[in-house]
């Protein structure tokens, strides 16, 4: 429990503001994972609906 109190006191920001000149690496990584996720989901859905049988006609 004491470690939790110590960790909560430390700040994640130094207080110095830097102007953004380009996307951060984390932004690029998130975009890449989103693209891969969309690709994988679309591929899975295409496979799923390609396997469905056509309706039976009487």
N, C-alpha and C. Protein backbone atom coordinates (compact mmCIF):
# COMPACT_ATOMS: atom_id res chain seq x y z
N UNK A 1 0.80 -1.19 0.00
CA UNK A 1 0.00 0.00 0.00
C UNK A 1 0.85 1.27 0.00
N UNK A 2 1.98 1.30 0.72
CA UNK A 2 2.80 2.52 0.68
C UNK A 2 3.34 2.80 -0.72
N UNK A 3 3.60 1.75 -1.50
CA UNK A 3 4.12 1.97 -2.85
C UNK A 3 3.08 2.67 -3.72
N UNK A 4 1.81 2.37 -3.48
CA UNK A 4 0.75 3.02 -4.24
C UNK A 4 0.72 4.51 -3.96
N UNK A 5 0.93 4.90 -2.71
CA UNK A 5 0.95 6.32 -2.36
C UNK A 5 2.13 7.03 -3.01
N UNK A 6 3.27 6.36 -3.06
CA UNK A 6 4.46 6.97 -3.66
C UNK A 6 4.27 7.12 -5.18
N UNK A 7 3.70 6.11 -5.81
CA UNK A 7 3.50 6.18 -7.26
C UNK A 7 2.47 7.22 -7.65
N UNK A 8 1.48 7.44 -6.81
CA UNK A 8 0.45 8.40 -7.15
C UNK A 8 0.94 9.84 -7.02
N UNK A 9 2.01 10.06 -6.27
CA UNK A 9 2.54 11.41 -6.09
C UNK A 9 3.35 11.83 -7.31
N UNK A 10 4.06 10.89 -7.93
CA UNK A 10 4.88 11.23 -9.08
C UNK A 10 4.00 11.62 -10.26
N UNK A 11 4.43 12.66 -10.94
CA UNK A 11 3.65 13.16 -12.06
C UNK A 11 4.18 12.58 -13.37
N UNK A 12 3.31 12.44 -14.34
CA UNK A 12 3.70 11.94 -15.64
C UNK A 12 4.16 13.05 -16.57
N UNK A 13 4.14 14.27 -16.11
CA UNK A 13 4.50 15.41 -16.95
C UNK A 13 5.52 16.27 -16.23
N UNK A 14 6.50 16.74 -16.97
CA UNK A 14 7.57 17.54 -16.35
C UNK A 14 7.16 19.00 -16.15
N UNK A 15 6.10 19.43 -16.80
CA UNK A 15 5.67 20.82 -16.70
C UNK A 15 6.17 21.68 -17.83
N UNK A 16 7.07 21.15 -18.66
CA UNK A 16 7.61 21.89 -19.79
C UNK A 16 6.82 21.51 -21.04
N UNK A 17 6.29 22.52 -21.73
CA UNK A 17 5.49 22.27 -22.92
C UNK A 17 6.39 22.33 -24.15
N UNK A 18 6.32 21.28 -24.98
CA UNK A 18 7.09 21.24 -26.22
C UNK A 18 6.11 21.28 -27.39
N UNK A 19 6.37 22.10 -28.40
CA UNK A 19 5.45 22.12 -29.55
C UNK A 19 5.55 20.82 -30.34
N UNK A 20 4.42 20.39 -30.86
CA UNK A 20 4.39 19.15 -31.66
C UNK A 20 4.79 19.49 -33.08
N UNK A 21 5.82 18.82 -33.56
CA UNK A 21 6.28 19.06 -34.93
C UNK A 21 5.90 17.91 -35.86
N UNK A 22 5.66 16.75 -35.31
CA UNK A 22 5.28 15.58 -36.11
C UNK A 22 4.55 14.60 -35.21
N UNK A 23 3.90 13.60 -35.80
CA UNK A 23 3.24 12.59 -34.97
C UNK A 23 4.25 11.80 -34.13
N UNK A 24 3.85 11.45 -32.94
CA UNK A 24 4.70 10.63 -32.08
C UNK A 24 4.70 9.19 -32.59
N UNK A 25 5.68 8.43 -32.15
CA UNK A 25 5.75 7.03 -32.55
C UNK A 25 4.54 6.25 -32.05
N UNK A 26 4.01 6.62 -30.89
CA UNK A 26 2.84 5.92 -30.37
C UNK A 26 1.62 6.17 -31.25
N UNK A 27 1.52 7.38 -31.83
CA UNK A 27 0.41 7.67 -32.75
C UNK A 27 0.50 6.79 -33.99
N UNK A 28 1.70 6.65 -34.52
CA UNK A 28 1.91 5.83 -35.71
C UNK A 28 1.63 4.37 -35.40
N UNK A 29 2.06 3.90 -34.22
CA UNK A 29 1.82 2.51 -33.83
C UNK A 29 0.33 2.25 -33.66
N UNK A 30 -0.40 3.17 -33.04
CA UNK A 30 -1.84 3.00 -32.88
C UNK A 30 -2.54 2.94 -34.23
N UNK A 31 -2.13 3.79 -35.16
CA UNK A 31 -2.71 3.78 -36.49
C UNK A 31 -2.43 2.45 -37.18
N UNK A 32 -1.21 1.96 -37.04
CA UNK A 32 -0.85 0.68 -37.65
C UNK A 32 -1.67 -0.47 -37.10
N UNK A 33 -1.85 -0.50 -35.78
CA UNK A 33 -2.66 -1.56 -35.17
C UNK A 33 -4.12 -1.45 -35.59
N UNK A 34 -4.63 -0.23 -35.74
CA UNK A 34 -6.01 -0.05 -36.18
C UNK A 34 -6.18 -0.56 -37.60
N UNK A 35 -5.22 -0.27 -38.47
CA UNK A 35 -5.29 -0.75 -39.85
C UNK A 35 -5.25 -2.28 -39.88
N UNK A 36 -4.36 -2.88 -39.10
CA UNK A 36 -4.29 -4.34 -39.06
C UNK A 36 -5.58 -4.94 -38.52
N UNK A 37 -6.17 -4.31 -37.50
CA UNK A 37 -7.42 -4.81 -36.93
C UNK A 37 -8.55 -4.77 -37.94
N UNK A 38 -8.67 -3.67 -38.66
CA UNK A 38 -9.72 -3.56 -39.68
C UNK A 38 -9.50 -4.60 -40.77
N UNK A 39 -8.26 -4.78 -41.19
CA UNK A 39 -7.95 -5.77 -42.23
C UNK A 39 -8.33 -7.18 -41.77
N UNK A 40 -7.96 -7.53 -40.54
CA UNK A 40 -8.25 -8.87 -40.04
C UNK A 40 -9.75 -9.11 -39.88
N UNK A 41 -10.47 -8.12 -39.40
CA UNK A 41 -11.92 -8.27 -39.21
C UNK A 41 -12.62 -8.40 -40.56
N UNK A 42 -12.22 -7.58 -41.52
CA UNK A 42 -12.85 -7.68 -42.85
C UNK A 42 -12.57 -9.03 -43.49
N UNK A 43 -11.34 -9.52 -43.34
CA UNK A 43 -10.99 -10.82 -43.92
C UNK A 43 -11.81 -11.93 -43.26
N UNK A 44 -11.95 -11.86 -41.93
CA UNK A 44 -12.72 -12.88 -41.22
C UNK A 44 -14.19 -12.84 -41.62
N UNK A 45 -14.75 -11.65 -41.77
CA UNK A 45 -16.15 -11.55 -42.16
C UNK A 45 -16.37 -12.04 -43.59
N UNK A 46 -15.41 -11.74 -44.47
CA UNK A 46 -15.53 -12.24 -45.84
C UNK A 46 -15.53 -13.77 -45.86
N UNK A 47 -14.64 -14.38 -45.07
CA UNK A 47 -14.60 -15.85 -45.00
C UNK A 47 -15.89 -16.40 -44.42
N UNK A 48 -16.40 -15.74 -43.40
CA UNK A 48 -17.61 -16.23 -42.73
C UNK A 48 -18.80 -16.21 -43.67
N UNK A 49 -18.98 -15.12 -44.40
CA UNK A 49 -20.15 -15.03 -45.26
C UNK A 49 -19.97 -15.77 -46.58
N UNK A 50 -18.76 -16.08 -46.95
CA UNK A 50 -18.54 -16.88 -48.16
C UNK A 50 -18.91 -18.34 -47.91
N UNK A 51 -18.88 -18.77 -46.67
CA UNK A 51 -19.20 -20.16 -46.33
C UNK A 51 -20.70 -20.41 -46.20
N UNK A 52 -21.51 -19.37 -46.16
CA UNK A 52 -22.94 -19.58 -45.98
C UNK A 52 -23.53 -20.24 -47.22
N UNK A 53 -24.47 -21.11 -47.00
CA UNK A 53 -25.10 -21.83 -48.09
C UNK A 53 -26.20 -20.96 -48.71
N UNK A 54 -26.39 -21.07 -50.00
CA UNK A 54 -27.49 -20.31 -50.62
C UNK A 54 -28.83 -20.87 -50.14
N UNK A 55 -29.86 -20.05 -50.14
CA UNK A 55 -31.17 -20.53 -49.67
C UNK A 55 -31.70 -21.64 -50.57
N UNK A 56 -32.36 -22.60 -49.95
CA UNK A 56 -32.91 -23.75 -50.67
C UNK A 56 -34.21 -23.35 -51.32
N UNK A 57 -34.31 -23.60 -52.63
CA UNK A 57 -35.55 -23.29 -53.35
C UNK A 57 -36.41 -24.54 -53.43
N UNK A 58 -37.71 -24.36 -53.27
CA UNK A 58 -38.64 -25.51 -53.33
C UNK A 58 -39.07 -25.79 -54.74
